[in-house]
Structure formats: structure tokens, C-alpha cells
Amino acid sequence: MNSKTADRIATAIFGLIAFIIVAILIGLFAYILGNGLKHISIEFLTTPSSNVLGGSGIRDQLFNSFYILFLTMVIAVPLGVGGGIYMAEYARPGKITNLIRSFIEVLASLPSIVIGMFGLLMFVNLTGWGYTIIGGALALTIFNLPVIVRVTEDAFNSIQGDQKEASLSLGVTHWHTIKHVLLPSAFPSILTGVILASGRVFGEAAALLFTAGLSTPRLDYGNWNPFSDRSPLNIFRPAETLAVHIWSVNTQGIIPDVVEKSAGASAVLIIAVLIFNLSARWIGSKIHKKITATK
């Protein structure tokens, strides 16, 4: 077999693989959105699920998902970016650094159900909080922390060394070089990784089953006292997220229109995750062009 024939065969094989992947993705989106979009309405998005007489919606679950996502990112982003900067700029090459990097990779590969069980032990039982929003946010922080660390480290390592050397040669300190030279250059990649991690948080269910719980108290959205049991801002209340709600209604089946509601909730979840992924690419591209002054 000559090189041209081998090249054609390899091109055809990889093209077929790409086609299969795209076809599976399109089929998945078409099935979920085709079955779910017709059940989405303003009433569906603004009605609490406690109404079991055919009018159950996802208002509280949707709010809980965004609230837990916000709290998770507030905790995980500073820790993850700081850890990535340390690994890229301060950690000396050696056995200890390699060991830390191995621990980060192992933590990133842990199944979410294992993180959930750890969260149940630490943030539910040991603390005595029970099922809470803060417990779910802390569990998801553990779930996403290694991802943000690796994204930040790779973003810093991808920067050309000339920028750092030029800054240091002018007498600028290491920290100011990181803050004013390296971090702005790495910011688009870090932001893209953070948004993609947000999509993982929004669609996560297994870890939240054991930490945030399967129920939501009747919320009063006019009550903004974070210490009130009925306040949506109370971080020590149980909170069923959208992904957990989909699992719950399909396994318990206590509402009369379970198929329609789960299909609509699945469509909302898919659309939200798709928006996270597309916005990550768009925002990262815009910021990169602005920083590098390219059109």
C-alpha cells in the first residue's frame, strides 16, 4: 500500500468517526428538544413543583440550580485559579510537585457519586447541617476544583516565555508580572474553562443527591432575609436542583404528567448547558481578540 492510498483510507476513517460523533450529538439534541420544547411555557418556568394537580413547574428547581452554581463558582474560582497559578509559577519541579499534580488528576477523575458520598459524610453528617445548599456547593467545589486548577496551569504554561522574561528584566516583581502580564494573557483560556465548568455544575445530579437533598421548602421570593427558612437565599435549606428534579420525577412518578414535565425540564437543562458551552467559546474568542488586538 502506497502513502497516498494509506492517506485516503486514514482520511475516510477519521471523517467517518467525526460523522458518527456529530450524528449522535444531533440525534440526542433532536430527541430531547423535540420531546421537551412543546412542554415549555412561561407557566412551566414560573410555577413551583409543589402543585401536583397537573400544574407543576420548575421555578424553584431552576432557581436552586443557578444559586448553587453561583455559590460553587464563588468558592471554586479563586481557589482553582490560585492553585493553578501556584502550580505554574511558584511550585518547583520535583517529586512533591509531581505528586501534587498526580493528586489533582486523580481528584479530577473521581466519579461524581463518590464526591457525593464524601459530601454526605463531611457536609451533611459531620457538620450536622443536614441537606443544604452550602453542602451541595462545597461538594461541587471539590468536583470542579481540579478542573479549574488544570485549566489555569495550562493557560499560564501556554504563554510565551518572552513576555515574562521581558517584564522581569525591567525590574518588575514576580507577583506584578503575574498580575499585569501573565494573567491578562491567560484570562481568555481561564474564562473559557470556568464557563465550561459551570455547565458541568449546572447539569450535575449525583453529587447533589447526597448533599443538597431531594426537596425544596415552600419559598417566598419576597423574603430576602438569608436566615429565614422560606427565603430563597438561605444557604442552610435543602434544595432540589433541575437535574435532580428530572431524576426524582422519573423514579417516583407522583405527578400525573410526569412524562411531559420531565421532558420539558430535560429540554431546559440541555438548553442551559448548550448556552454555557457556546458562550464559553464566544466570550473567550472575543476577549482573546481584544487582548491580542486581532480582528
Protein backbone atom coordinates (compact mmCIF):
# COMPACT_ATOMS: atom_id res chain seq x y z
CA MET A 1 0.00 0.00 0.00
CA ASN A 2 1.48 3.32 -1.08
CA SER A 3 1.36 6.50 1.01
CA LYS A 4 -1.46 8.15 -1.00
CA THR A 5 -3.78 5.17 -0.53
CA ALA A 6 -2.98 5.00 3.17
CA ASP A 7 -3.68 8.73 3.45
CA ARG A 8 -7.08 8.36 1.74
CA ILE A 9 -8.04 5.44 3.99
CA ALA A 10 -7.00 7.34 7.14
CA THR A 11 -8.89 10.43 5.99
CA ALA A 12 -12.00 8.37 5.33
CA ILE A 13 -11.80 6.62 8.71
CA PHE A 14 -11.38 9.83 10.69
CA GLY A 15 -14.09 11.51 8.64
CA LEU A 16 -16.44 8.63 9.44
CA ILE A 17 -15.61 8.90 13.14
CA ALA A 18 -16.34 12.63 13.07
CA PHE A 19 -19.63 12.00 11.26
CA ILE A 20 -20.70 9.40 13.82
CA ILE A 21 -19.93 11.76 16.72
CA VAL A 22 -21.85 14.63 15.12
CA ALA A 23 -24.77 12.35 14.21
CA ILE A 24 -25.03 11.04 17.79
CA LEU A 25 -24.94 14.59 19.17
CA ILE A 26 -27.57 15.85 16.71
CA GLY A 27 -29.78 12.85 17.37
CA LEU A 28 -29.53 13.35 21.13
CA PHE A 29 -30.38 17.05 20.92
CA ALA A 30 -33.18 16.42 18.43
CA TYR A 31 -34.78 13.78 20.64
CA ILE A 32 -34.60 15.79 23.87
CA LEU A 33 -35.58 19.13 22.38
CA GLY A 34 -38.23 17.61 20.12
CA ASN A 35 -39.97 15.99 23.07
CA GLY A 36 -39.40 18.81 25.55
CA LEU A 37 -39.79 22.17 23.80
CA LYS A 38 -43.53 21.74 23.31
CA HIS A 39 -43.98 21.44 27.10
CA ILE A 40 -42.02 24.59 27.98
CA SER A 41 -44.07 27.69 28.75
CA ILE A 42 -43.95 30.74 30.99
CA GLU A 43 -46.22 28.95 33.43
CA PHE A 44 -43.92 25.93 33.43
CA LEU A 45 -40.90 28.10 34.24
CA THR A 46 -42.63 30.19 36.92
CA THR A 47 -44.81 27.62 38.73
CA PRO A 48 -43.49 25.74 41.79
CA SER A 49 -43.40 21.96 41.59
CA SER A 50 -45.40 21.59 44.80
CA ASN A 51 -48.59 21.98 42.77
CA VAL A 52 -49.35 18.35 41.87
CA LEU A 53 -52.67 18.95 40.13
CA GLY A 54 -51.23 18.99 36.65
CA GLY A 55 -49.62 22.40 37.05
CA SER A 56 -46.24 21.50 38.46
CA GLY A 57 -43.38 23.60 37.15
CA ILE A 58 -39.67 24.03 37.72
CA ARG A 59 -39.44 27.55 39.16
CA ASP A 60 -37.76 26.56 42.42
CA GLN A 61 -35.55 23.92 40.84
CA LEU A 62 -34.35 26.39 38.22
CA PHE A 63 -33.55 28.99 40.87
CA ASN A 64 -31.80 26.40 43.05
CA SER A 65 -29.62 25.32 40.12
CA PHE A 66 -28.44 28.85 39.41
CA TYR A 67 -28.00 29.64 43.10
CA ILE A 68 -25.85 26.57 43.77
CA LEU A 69 -23.91 27.31 40.58
CA PHE A 70 -23.22 30.86 41.78
CA LEU A 71 -22.07 29.75 45.23
CA THR A 72 -19.90 26.98 43.76
CA MET A 73 -18.14 29.35 41.39
CA VAL A 74 -17.62 31.95 44.13
CA ILE A 75 -15.77 29.31 46.15
CA ALA A 76 -14.09 27.29 43.40
CA VAL A 77 -12.80 30.00 41.04
CA PRO A 78 -10.49 31.85 43.50
CA LEU A 79 -9.17 28.57 44.90
CA GLY A 80 -8.77 26.94 41.48
CA VAL A 81 -7.13 29.94 39.80
CA GLY A 82 -4.85 30.45 42.80
CA GLY A 83 -3.88 26.78 42.77
CA GLY A 84 -3.20 26.88 39.04
CA ILE A 85 -1.01 29.99 39.40
CA TYR A 86 0.93 28.29 42.18
CA MET A 87 1.49 25.14 40.12
CA ALA A 88 2.57 27.12 37.05
CA GLU A 89 4.65 29.90 38.64
CA TYR A 90 5.71 29.03 42.17
CA ALA A 91 5.91 25.24 42.52
CA ARG A 92 9.44 23.97 41.97
CA PRO A 93 9.79 20.98 39.64
CA GLY A 94 10.36 17.84 41.64
CA LYS A 95 8.78 14.83 43.25
CA ILE A 96 6.50 16.84 45.52
CA THR A 97 5.14 18.93 42.65
CA ASN A 98 4.63 15.82 40.53
CA LEU A 99 2.85 14.18 43.47
CA ILE A 100 0.53 17.19 43.87
CA ARG A 101 -0.20 17.16 40.15
CA SER A 102 -0.99 13.44 40.34
CA PHE A 103 -3.39 14.07 43.23
CA ILE A 104 -5.13 16.76 41.18
CA GLU A 105 -5.53 14.39 38.24
CA VAL A 106 -6.89 11.63 40.48
CA LEU A 107 -9.35 14.06 42.06
CA ALA A 108 -10.48 15.20 38.60
CA SER A 109 -11.17 11.59 37.59
CA LEU A 110 -13.26 10.67 40.64
CA PRO A 111 -16.90 9.79 39.83
CA SER A 112 -19.38 12.41 40.98
CA ILE A 113 -21.19 9.80 43.09
CA VAL A 114 -18.01 9.37 45.15
CA ILE A 115 -17.84 13.14 45.67
CA GLY A 116 -21.47 13.00 46.75
CA MET A 117 -20.77 10.29 49.32
CA PHE A 118 -17.84 12.29 50.66
CA GLY A 119 -20.06 15.36 50.84
CA LEU A 120 -22.69 13.34 52.70
CA LEU A 121 -20.10 12.36 55.28
CA MET A 122 -18.43 15.76 55.64
CA PHE A 123 -21.04 18.42 54.90
CA VAL A 124 -24.23 16.62 55.96
CA ASN A 125 -23.42 14.26 58.82
CA LEU A 126 -20.18 15.56 60.32
CA THR A 127 -21.21 19.23 60.34
CA GLY A 128 -24.78 18.46 61.37
CA TRP A 129 -26.15 20.79 58.68
CA GLY A 130 -28.28 18.15 57.02
CA TYR A 131 -29.18 18.59 53.36
CA THR A 132 -28.25 22.16 52.48
CA ILE A 133 -27.36 24.40 49.58
CA ILE A 134 -23.95 25.18 51.04
CA GLY A 135 -23.23 21.47 51.41
CA GLY A 136 -24.04 20.93 47.74
CA ALA A 137 -21.93 23.92 46.72
CA LEU A 138 -18.93 22.65 48.71
CA ALA A 139 -19.27 19.17 47.20
CA LEU A 140 -19.39 20.63 43.69
CA THR A 141 -16.39 22.79 44.56
CA ILE A 142 -14.41 19.62 45.20
CA PHE A 143 -15.79 18.23 41.94
CA ASN A 144 -14.70 21.23 39.83
CA LEU A 145 -11.61 22.46 41.68
CA PRO A 146 -9.09 20.19 39.91
CA VAL A 147 -10.54 21.15 36.52
CA ILE A 148 -10.07 24.86 37.17
CA VAL A 149 -6.57 24.26 38.54
CA ARG A 150 -5.51 22.37 35.43
CA VAL A 151 -7.10 24.89 33.08
CA THR A 152 -5.31 27.76 34.82
CA GLU A 153 -1.98 25.95 34.88
CA ASP A 154 -2.21 25.05 31.19
CA ALA A 155 -3.22 28.63 30.33
CA PHE A 156 -0.14 30.03 32.08
CA ASN A 157 2.17 27.41 30.58
CA SER A 158 0.91 28.23 27.08
CA ILE A 159 2.06 31.86 27.35
CA GLN A 160 5.28 32.60 25.54
CA GLY A 161 8.21 32.95 27.92
CA ASP A 162 9.37 36.18 26.25
CA GLN A 163 6.57 38.15 27.90
CA LYS A 164 7.55 37.02 31.39
CA GLU A 165 11.27 37.49 30.77
CA ALA A 166 10.75 40.98 29.34
CA SER A 167 8.73 42.04 32.39
CA LEU A 168 11.22 40.60 34.87
CA SER A 169 14.14 42.17 33.02
CA LEU A 170 12.59 45.60 33.61
CA GLY A 171 12.75 45.07 37.35
CA VAL A 172 9.06 44.19 37.81
CA THR A 173 8.43 41.79 40.68
CA HIS A 174 7.21 38.27 40.06
CA TRP A 175 3.76 38.95 41.51
CA HIS A 176 3.25 42.13 39.47
CA THR A 177 4.39 40.23 36.37
CA ILE A 178 1.75 37.60 37.06
CA LYS A 179 -0.94 40.20 37.77
CA HIS A 180 -0.27 42.63 34.93
CA VAL A 181 1.33 40.49 32.19
CA LEU A 182 0.60 36.77 32.51
CA LEU A 183 -2.91 36.80 33.99
CA PRO A 184 -4.40 39.10 31.29
CA SER A 185 -2.91 36.88 28.60
CA ALA A 186 -4.19 33.71 30.23
CA PHE A 187 -7.59 35.16 31.13
CA PRO A 188 -9.47 34.08 27.94
CA SER A 189 -8.49 30.43 28.42
CA ILE A 190 -9.25 30.56 32.14
CA LEU A 191 -12.65 32.14 31.49
CA THR A 192 -13.49 29.50 28.90
CA GLY A 193 -12.58 26.75 31.36
CA VAL A 194 -14.63 28.35 34.14
CA ILE A 195 -17.72 28.64 31.94
CA LEU A 196 -17.37 25.03 30.81
CA ALA A 197 -17.02 24.00 34.45
CA SER A 198 -20.21 25.97 35.15
CA GLY A 199 -22.01 23.82 32.62
CA ARG A 200 -20.86 20.72 34.49
CA VAL A 201 -22.12 22.16 37.77
CA PHE A 202 -25.49 23.08 36.30
CA GLY A 203 -26.09 19.58 34.96
CA GLU A 204 -24.72 17.66 37.95
CA ALA A 205 -27.11 15.42 39.87
CA ALA A 206 -25.30 12.56 41.60
CA ALA A 207 -23.26 14.69 44.00
CA LEU A 208 -26.28 16.82 44.90
CA LEU A 209 -28.49 13.85 45.70
CA PHE A 210 -26.45 13.27 48.87
CA THR A 211 -25.75 16.88 49.84
CA ALA A 212 -28.47 19.32 48.71
CA GLY A 213 -31.34 16.85 49.01
CA LEU A 214 -34.49 15.94 47.10
CA SER A 215 -36.88 18.54 48.46
CA THR A 216 -37.36 22.29 48.48
CA PRO A 217 -39.37 24.15 51.13
CA ARG A 218 -42.12 26.49 50.02
CA LEU A 219 -40.16 29.61 49.10
CA ASP A 220 -41.23 33.22 49.45
CA TYR A 221 -39.37 35.20 46.77
CA GLY A 222 -40.32 38.43 48.50
CA ASN A 223 -38.38 37.36 51.60
CA TRP A 224 -34.70 38.25 51.12
CA ASN A 225 -33.64 37.52 54.70
CA PRO A 226 -30.92 34.87 54.25
CA PHE A 227 -31.61 33.47 57.73
CA SER A 228 -35.33 32.82 57.13
CA ASP A 229 -36.44 29.25 56.46
CA ARG A 230 -38.58 30.37 53.50
CA SER A 231 -36.04 32.73 51.98
CA PRO A 232 -34.61 31.60 48.64
CA LEU A 233 -31.21 32.98 49.74
CA ASN A 234 -30.96 30.74 52.80
CA ILE A 235 -27.89 28.58 52.21
CA PHE A 236 -28.82 26.16 55.01
CA ARG A 237 -32.05 24.90 53.44
CA PRO A 238 -32.45 21.80 51.26
CA ALA A 239 -32.62 22.49 47.54
CA GLU A 240 -33.65 20.21 44.70
CA THR A 241 -31.89 21.25 41.50
CA LEU A 242 -33.17 20.83 37.97
CA ALA A 243 -31.06 17.75 37.22
CA VAL A 244 -32.08 16.10 40.50
CA HIS A 245 -35.72 17.01 39.80
CA ILE A 246 -35.60 15.18 36.46
CA TRP A 247 -34.30 12.07 38.18
CA SER A 248 -36.80 12.41 41.01
CA VAL A 249 -39.98 12.74 38.95
CA ASN A 250 -38.98 9.82 36.72
CA THR A 251 -38.26 7.49 39.63
CA GLN A 252 -41.09 8.48 41.97
CA GLY A 253 -43.80 9.28 39.41
CA ILE A 254 -46.11 11.04 41.89
CA ILE A 255 -47.35 13.73 39.48
CA PRO A 256 -49.95 12.91 36.81
CA ASP A 257 -47.98 14.40 33.88
CA VAL A 258 -44.57 13.05 34.80
CA VAL A 259 -43.50 12.34 31.19
CA GLU A 260 -44.34 15.84 29.98
CA LYS A 261 -42.73 17.58 32.94
CA SER A 262 -39.54 15.55 32.83
CA ALA A 263 -39.26 16.10 29.07
CA GLY A 264 -39.71 19.86 29.49
CA ALA A 265 -37.21 20.01 32.35
CA SER A 266 -34.71 17.99 30.32
CA ALA A 267 -35.04 20.42 27.42
CA VAL A 268 -34.46 23.39 29.72
CA LEU A 269 -31.39 21.69 31.18
CA ILE A 270 -29.95 20.88 27.75
CA ILE A 271 -30.55 24.43 26.50
CA ALA A 272 -28.84 25.88 29.59
CA VAL A 273 -25.78 23.62 29.22
CA LEU A 274 -25.63 24.41 25.49
CA ILE A 275 -25.71 28.13 26.26
CA PHE A 276 -22.86 27.68 28.75
CA ASN A 277 -20.72 25.90 26.15
CA LEU A 278 -21.45 28.29 23.28
CA SER A 279 -20.95 31.34 25.47
CA ALA A 280 -17.60 29.95 26.63
CA ARG A 281 -16.34 29.80 23.06
CA TRP A 282 -17.80 33.19 22.10
CA ILE A 283 -16.64 35.11 25.18
CA GLY A 284 -13.21 33.50 25.12
CA SER A 285 -12.79 34.38 21.44
CA LYS A 286 -13.91 37.99 21.97
CA ILE A 287 -11.60 38.57 24.92
CA HIS A 288 -8.69 36.91 23.14
CA LYS A 289 -9.15 39.17 20.11
CA LYS A 290 -9.40 42.24 22.35
CA ILE A 291 -6.25 41.38 24.30
CA THR A 292 -4.21 40.40 21.26
CA ALA A 293 -5.66 43.24 19.13
CA THR A 294 -6.62 40.88 16.30
CA LYS A 295 -9.68 41.18 14.08
